Amino acid sequence: MKHLICIAKKYRYLMLLYLFMGFCRAFAQSFSSRYFQKIIDNFSSHSLKITHIAVYGSAIIALYVVCYLLQYPERKLELLPDQVDAARQCNTCAGKCNNNEIHRKITEKF
């Protein structure tokens, strides 16, 4: 458990960024679908303006940009279970093992 807390402290800003970008992605998806309905309603009533299309296009582009940027923290945090397993293996042998790969993983990541 202490390894998880240590990792959470080290990567707290990355985790907060991941959560914030997840909320932004959810908001952009909700906004774009709701705004698309507004465009359809305005088109059927013949009151569609170019600004509505520009706002909708911007929302779609922002959604794709956020989804692309979300990959960085997701891939970085994806490696954390390997770090925890390596730390547990090293602690079970109390540092007396000769497995240099485990010790190298820990020193590189922590």
N, C-alpha and C. Protein backbone atom coordinates (compact mmCIF):
# COMPACT_ATOMS: atom_id res chain seq x y z
N MET A 1 0.81 -1.19 0.00
CA MET A 1 0.00 0.00 0.00
C MET A 1 0.86 1.26 0.00
N LYS A 2 1.99 1.21 0.70
CA LYS A 2 2.83 2.41 0.75
C LYS A 2 3.43 2.72 -0.61
N HIS A 3 3.57 1.70 -1.47
CA HIS A 3 4.08 1.94 -2.81
C HIS A 3 3.06 2.70 -3.65
N LEU A 4 1.79 2.36 -3.46
CA LEU A 4 0.74 3.08 -4.19
C LEU A 4 0.67 4.53 -3.75
N ILE A 5 0.81 4.78 -2.47
CA ILE A 5 0.79 6.16 -1.97
C ILE A 5 1.98 6.93 -2.49
N CYS A 6 3.14 6.29 -2.51
CA CYS A 6 4.35 6.93 -3.03
C CYS A 6 4.18 7.28 -4.51
N ILE A 7 3.64 6.37 -5.26
CA ILE A 7 3.42 6.61 -6.69
C ILE A 7 2.37 7.70 -6.89
N ALA A 8 1.32 7.68 -6.08
CA ALA A 8 0.27 8.70 -6.19
C ALA A 8 0.82 10.09 -5.86
N LYS A 9 1.71 10.17 -4.89
CA LYS A 9 2.32 11.46 -4.56
C LYS A 9 3.22 11.95 -5.69
N LYS A 10 3.97 11.02 -6.27
CA LYS A 10 4.90 11.41 -7.33
C LYS A 10 4.16 11.86 -8.59
N TYR A 11 3.07 11.20 -8.93
CA TYR A 11 2.35 11.48 -10.16
C TYR A 11 1.03 12.20 -9.91
N ARG A 12 0.92 12.96 -8.81
CA ARG A 12 -0.35 13.59 -8.48
C ARG A 12 -0.77 14.62 -9.53
N TYR A 13 0.18 15.37 -10.07
CA TYR A 13 -0.19 16.37 -11.08
C TYR A 13 -0.61 15.70 -12.38
N LEU A 14 0.03 14.60 -12.71
CA LEU A 14 -0.36 13.87 -13.91
C LEU A 14 -1.74 13.26 -13.74
N MET A 15 -2.04 12.77 -12.54
CA MET A 15 -3.36 12.21 -12.27
C MET A 15 -4.43 13.30 -12.29
N LEU A 16 -4.12 14.46 -11.73
CA LEU A 16 -5.07 15.57 -11.77
C LEU A 16 -5.30 16.06 -13.21
N LEU A 17 -4.24 16.09 -13.99
CA LEU A 17 -4.37 16.45 -15.40
C LEU A 17 -5.24 15.45 -16.14
N TYR A 18 -5.05 14.18 -15.84
CA TYR A 18 -5.84 13.13 -16.47
C TYR A 18 -7.33 13.27 -16.12
N LEU A 19 -7.62 13.53 -14.85
CA LEU A 19 -9.01 13.73 -14.43
C LEU A 19 -9.62 14.98 -15.07
N PHE A 20 -8.86 16.08 -15.08
CA PHE A 20 -9.35 17.32 -15.66
C PHE A 20 -9.64 17.15 -17.15
N MET A 21 -8.74 16.48 -17.86
CA MET A 21 -8.94 16.29 -19.29
C MET A 21 -10.09 15.32 -19.55
N GLY A 22 -10.31 14.38 -18.66
CA GLY A 22 -11.46 13.49 -18.79
C GLY A 22 -12.77 14.26 -18.65
N PHE A 23 -12.81 15.20 -17.69
CA PHE A 23 -13.99 16.03 -17.54
C PHE A 23 -14.19 16.93 -18.77
N CYS A 24 -13.09 17.47 -19.29
CA CYS A 24 -13.19 18.30 -20.49
C CYS A 24 -13.71 17.50 -21.67
N ARG A 25 -13.25 16.27 -21.79
CA ARG A 25 -13.71 15.41 -22.89
C ARG A 25 -15.20 15.12 -22.76
N ALA A 26 -15.65 14.81 -21.55
CA ALA A 26 -17.07 14.54 -21.34
C ALA A 26 -17.91 15.78 -21.63
N PHE A 27 -17.43 16.94 -21.20
CA PHE A 27 -18.15 18.18 -21.46
C PHE A 27 -18.21 18.46 -22.96
N ALA A 28 -17.10 18.28 -23.67
CA ALA A 28 -17.07 18.54 -25.11
C ALA A 28 -18.00 17.59 -25.86
N GLN A 29 -18.05 16.34 -25.43
CA GLN A 29 -18.97 15.40 -26.08
C GLN A 29 -20.42 15.80 -25.86
N SER A 30 -20.74 16.17 -24.64
CA SER A 30 -22.11 16.57 -24.32
C SER A 30 -22.48 17.86 -25.06
N PHE A 31 -21.56 18.82 -25.05
CA PHE A 31 -21.82 20.09 -25.72
C PHE A 31 -21.99 19.91 -27.22
N SER A 32 -21.14 19.09 -27.83
CA SER A 32 -21.22 18.94 -29.29
C SER A 32 -22.51 18.23 -29.71
N SER A 33 -22.94 17.25 -28.94
CA SER A 33 -24.19 16.58 -29.32
C SER A 33 -25.40 17.50 -29.11
N ARG A 34 -25.37 18.29 -28.04
CA ARG A 34 -26.47 19.22 -27.79
C ARG A 34 -26.48 20.35 -28.84
N TYR A 35 -25.31 20.81 -29.20
CA TYR A 35 -25.23 21.88 -30.19
C TYR A 35 -25.59 21.38 -31.58
N PHE A 36 -25.29 20.12 -31.86
CA PHE A 36 -25.69 19.54 -33.14
C PHE A 36 -27.21 19.52 -33.26
N GLN A 37 -27.88 19.22 -32.17
CA GLN A 37 -29.35 19.26 -32.17
C GLN A 37 -29.84 20.68 -32.44
N LYS A 38 -29.16 21.67 -31.89
CA LYS A 38 -29.52 23.06 -32.13
C LYS A 38 -29.33 23.42 -33.60
N ILE A 39 -28.28 22.92 -34.23
CA ILE A 39 -28.04 23.18 -35.65
C ILE A 39 -29.15 22.55 -36.49
N ILE A 40 -29.52 21.34 -36.15
CA ILE A 40 -30.60 20.68 -36.90
C ILE A 40 -31.91 21.46 -36.76
N ASP A 41 -32.22 21.92 -35.54
CA ASP A 41 -33.44 22.70 -35.33
C ASP A 41 -33.41 24.01 -36.11
N ASN A 42 -32.26 24.68 -36.09
CA ASN A 42 -32.15 25.94 -36.83
C ASN A 42 -32.20 25.71 -38.34
N PHE A 43 -31.66 24.61 -38.79
CA PHE A 43 -31.71 24.31 -40.22
C PHE A 43 -33.14 24.06 -40.69
N SER A 44 -33.90 23.35 -39.86
CA SER A 44 -35.29 23.06 -40.24
C SER A 44 -36.17 24.31 -40.19
N SER A 45 -35.82 25.26 -39.34
CA SER A 45 -36.59 26.51 -39.27
C SER A 45 -36.00 27.60 -40.16
N HIS A 46 -35.00 27.26 -40.97
CA HIS A 46 -34.35 28.18 -41.92
C HIS A 46 -33.72 29.39 -41.23
N SER A 47 -33.19 29.19 -40.04
CA SER A 47 -32.52 30.29 -39.34
C SER A 47 -31.08 29.91 -38.97
N LEU A 48 -30.49 29.05 -39.75
CA LEU A 48 -29.12 28.61 -39.47
C LEU A 48 -28.13 29.70 -39.85
N LYS A 49 -27.22 29.99 -38.95
CA LYS A 49 -26.19 31.01 -39.18
C LYS A 49 -24.83 30.32 -39.26
N ILE A 50 -23.91 31.02 -39.89
CA ILE A 50 -22.56 30.47 -40.04
C ILE A 50 -21.85 30.38 -38.69
N THR A 51 -22.22 31.25 -37.75
CA THR A 51 -21.60 31.19 -36.42
C THR A 51 -21.96 29.90 -35.70
N HIS A 52 -23.17 29.39 -35.91
CA HIS A 52 -23.56 28.12 -35.28
C HIS A 52 -22.69 26.99 -35.82
N ILE A 53 -22.46 27.01 -37.11
CA ILE A 53 -21.63 25.96 -37.71
C ILE A 53 -20.19 26.09 -37.23
N ALA A 54 -19.70 27.33 -37.09
CA ALA A 54 -18.33 27.56 -36.61
C ALA A 54 -18.16 27.09 -35.16
N VAL A 55 -19.15 27.37 -34.33
CA VAL A 55 -19.08 26.93 -32.93
C VAL A 55 -19.10 25.41 -32.85
N TYR A 56 -19.97 24.79 -33.64
CA TYR A 56 -20.03 23.33 -33.64
C TYR A 56 -18.72 22.73 -34.15
N GLY A 57 -18.18 23.29 -35.21
CA GLY A 57 -16.89 22.80 -35.74
C GLY A 57 -15.77 22.97 -34.73
N SER A 58 -15.77 24.09 -34.02
CA SER A 58 -14.76 24.31 -32.98
C SER A 58 -14.89 23.29 -31.86
N ALA A 59 -16.12 22.98 -31.49
CA ALA A 59 -16.35 22.00 -30.43
C ALA A 59 -15.87 20.61 -30.85
N ILE A 60 -16.11 20.26 -32.10
CA ILE A 60 -15.65 18.95 -32.59
C ILE A 60 -14.12 18.90 -32.63
N ILE A 61 -13.51 19.97 -33.11
CA ILE A 61 -12.03 20.02 -33.15
C ILE A 61 -11.46 19.96 -31.74
N ALA A 62 -12.06 20.71 -30.81
CA ALA A 62 -11.60 20.69 -29.42
C ALA A 62 -11.73 19.29 -28.82
N LEU A 63 -12.81 18.61 -29.15
CA LEU A 63 -13.00 17.25 -28.65
C LEU A 63 -11.89 16.32 -29.13
N TYR A 64 -11.56 16.41 -30.39
CA TYR A 64 -10.50 15.55 -30.92
C TYR A 64 -9.12 15.92 -30.37
N VAL A 65 -8.89 17.19 -30.16
CA VAL A 65 -7.62 17.62 -29.58
C VAL A 65 -7.49 17.11 -28.14
N VAL A 66 -8.57 17.22 -27.37
CA VAL A 66 -8.54 16.73 -25.98
C VAL A 66 -8.34 15.22 -25.96
N CYS A 67 -9.02 14.50 -26.85
CA CYS A 67 -8.84 13.05 -26.91
C CYS A 67 -7.41 12.68 -27.27
N TYR A 68 -6.80 13.45 -28.15
CA TYR A 68 -5.41 13.19 -28.52
C TYR A 68 -4.47 13.50 -27.35
N LEU A 69 -4.69 14.63 -26.69
CA LEU A 69 -3.84 15.00 -25.57
C LEU A 69 -4.04 14.10 -24.37
N LEU A 70 -5.18 13.48 -24.27
CA LEU A 70 -5.47 12.58 -23.15
C LEU A 70 -4.62 11.32 -23.21
N GLN A 71 -4.08 11.03 -24.38
CA GLN A 71 -3.26 9.82 -24.53
C GLN A 71 -1.97 9.89 -23.73
N TYR A 72 -1.38 11.08 -23.57
CA TYR A 72 -0.11 11.18 -22.85
C TYR A 72 -0.24 10.74 -21.40
N PRO A 73 -1.12 11.35 -20.59
CA PRO A 73 -1.20 10.88 -19.21
C PRO A 73 -1.71 9.45 -19.10
N GLU A 74 -2.58 9.05 -20.04
CA GLU A 74 -3.11 7.69 -19.99
C GLU A 74 -2.00 6.66 -20.18
N ARG A 75 -1.13 6.89 -21.15
CA ARG A 75 -0.03 5.95 -21.39
C ARG A 75 1.01 6.02 -20.28
N LYS A 76 1.24 7.20 -19.75
CA LYS A 76 2.22 7.34 -18.67
C LYS A 76 1.72 6.64 -17.40
N LEU A 77 0.44 6.77 -17.09
CA LEU A 77 -0.12 6.14 -15.90
C LEU A 77 -0.36 4.66 -16.10
N GLU A 78 -0.41 4.23 -17.34
CA GLU A 78 -0.61 2.81 -17.64
C GLU A 78 0.56 1.96 -17.16
N LEU A 79 1.74 2.54 -17.06
CA LEU A 79 2.93 1.81 -16.65
C LEU A 79 3.03 1.64 -15.14
N LEU A 80 2.18 2.30 -14.38
CA LEU A 80 2.28 2.26 -12.92
C LEU A 80 2.10 0.88 -12.31
N PRO A 81 1.20 0.01 -12.80
CA PRO A 81 1.10 -1.32 -12.19
C PRO A 81 2.41 -2.12 -12.30
N ASP A 82 3.16 -1.92 -13.38
CA ASP A 82 4.46 -2.59 -13.49
C ASP A 82 5.43 -2.09 -12.43
N GLN A 83 5.37 -0.81 -12.13
CA GLN A 83 6.25 -0.26 -11.11
C GLN A 83 5.90 -0.81 -9.73
N VAL A 84 4.63 -0.94 -9.45
CA VAL A 84 4.20 -1.46 -8.15
C VAL A 84 4.62 -2.92 -8.01
N ASP A 85 4.45 -3.71 -9.07
CA ASP A 85 4.87 -5.12 -9.02
C ASP A 85 6.37 -5.24 -8.82
N ALA A 86 7.14 -4.41 -9.50
CA ALA A 86 8.59 -4.45 -9.34
C ALA A 86 9.01 -4.06 -7.93
N ALA A 87 8.32 -3.07 -7.34
CA ALA A 87 8.65 -2.66 -5.97
C ALA A 87 8.28 -3.75 -4.98
N ARG A 88 7.16 -4.42 -5.20
CA ARG A 88 6.78 -5.51 -4.30
C ARG A 88 7.76 -6.67 -4.39
N GLN A 89 8.21 -6.99 -5.59
CA GLN A 89 9.18 -8.08 -5.74
C GLN A 89 10.48 -7.73 -5.03
N CYS A 90 10.87 -6.50 -5.13
CA CYS A 90 12.12 -6.10 -4.48
C CYS A 90 11.98 -6.13 -2.97
N ASN A 91 10.83 -5.72 -2.44
CA ASN A 91 10.63 -5.73 -1.00
C ASN A 91 10.48 -7.14 -0.44
N THR A 92 9.98 -8.08 -1.23
CA THR A 92 9.83 -9.43 -0.71
C THR A 92 11.19 -10.07 -0.48
N CYS A 93 12.16 -9.67 -1.27
CA CYS A 93 13.49 -10.24 -1.05
C CYS A 93 14.33 -9.31 -0.19
N ALA A 94 13.73 -8.21 0.29
CA ALA A 94 14.38 -7.27 1.21
C ALA A 94 15.69 -6.72 0.65
N GLY A 95 15.76 -6.55 -0.65
CA GLY A 95 16.95 -5.96 -1.26
C GLY A 95 18.12 -6.91 -1.38
N LYS A 96 17.94 -8.17 -1.05
CA LYS A 96 19.04 -9.12 -1.08
C LYS A 96 19.11 -9.90 -2.38
N CYS A 97 18.14 -9.71 -3.25
CA CYS A 97 18.14 -10.48 -4.48
C CYS A 97 19.17 -9.92 -5.46
N ASN A 98 19.56 -10.73 -6.38
CA ASN A 98 20.56 -10.33 -7.36
C ASN A 98 19.92 -10.00 -8.71
N ASN A 99 18.65 -9.80 -8.72
CA ASN A 99 17.96 -9.51 -9.96
C ASN A 99 18.12 -8.02 -10.26
N ASN A 100 19.07 -7.70 -11.11
CA ASN A 100 19.38 -6.32 -11.42
C ASN A 100 18.27 -5.64 -12.21
N GLU A 101 17.48 -6.41 -12.95
CA GLU A 101 16.42 -5.82 -13.75
C GLU A 101 15.35 -5.20 -12.85
N ILE A 102 15.02 -5.87 -11.76
CA ILE A 102 14.01 -5.34 -10.84
C ILE A 102 14.53 -4.05 -10.20
N HIS A 103 15.76 -4.08 -9.73
CA HIS A 103 16.33 -2.89 -9.10
C HIS A 103 16.48 -1.75 -10.10
N ARG A 104 16.79 -2.06 -11.33
CA ARG A 104 16.92 -1.03 -12.36
C ARG A 104 15.56 -0.39 -12.63
N LYS A 105 14.50 -1.19 -12.68
CA LYS A 105 13.15 -0.65 -12.92
C LYS A 105 12.77 0.32 -11.81
N ILE A 106 13.07 -0.05 -10.59
CA ILE A 106 12.68 0.77 -9.46
C ILE A 106 13.47 2.08 -9.45
N THR A 107 14.75 2.00 -9.68
CA THR A 107 15.54 3.22 -9.63
C THR A 107 15.24 4.14 -10.80
N GLU A 108 14.86 3.58 -11.95
CA GLU A 108 14.51 4.43 -13.08
C GLU A 108 13.18 5.13 -12.86
N LYS A 109 12.21 4.44 -12.31
CA LYS A 109 10.86 4.96 -12.21
C LYS A 109 10.61 5.77 -10.96
N PHE A 110 11.29 5.48 -9.87
CA PHE A 110 11.03 6.19 -8.62
C PHE A 110 12.03 7.27 -8.40
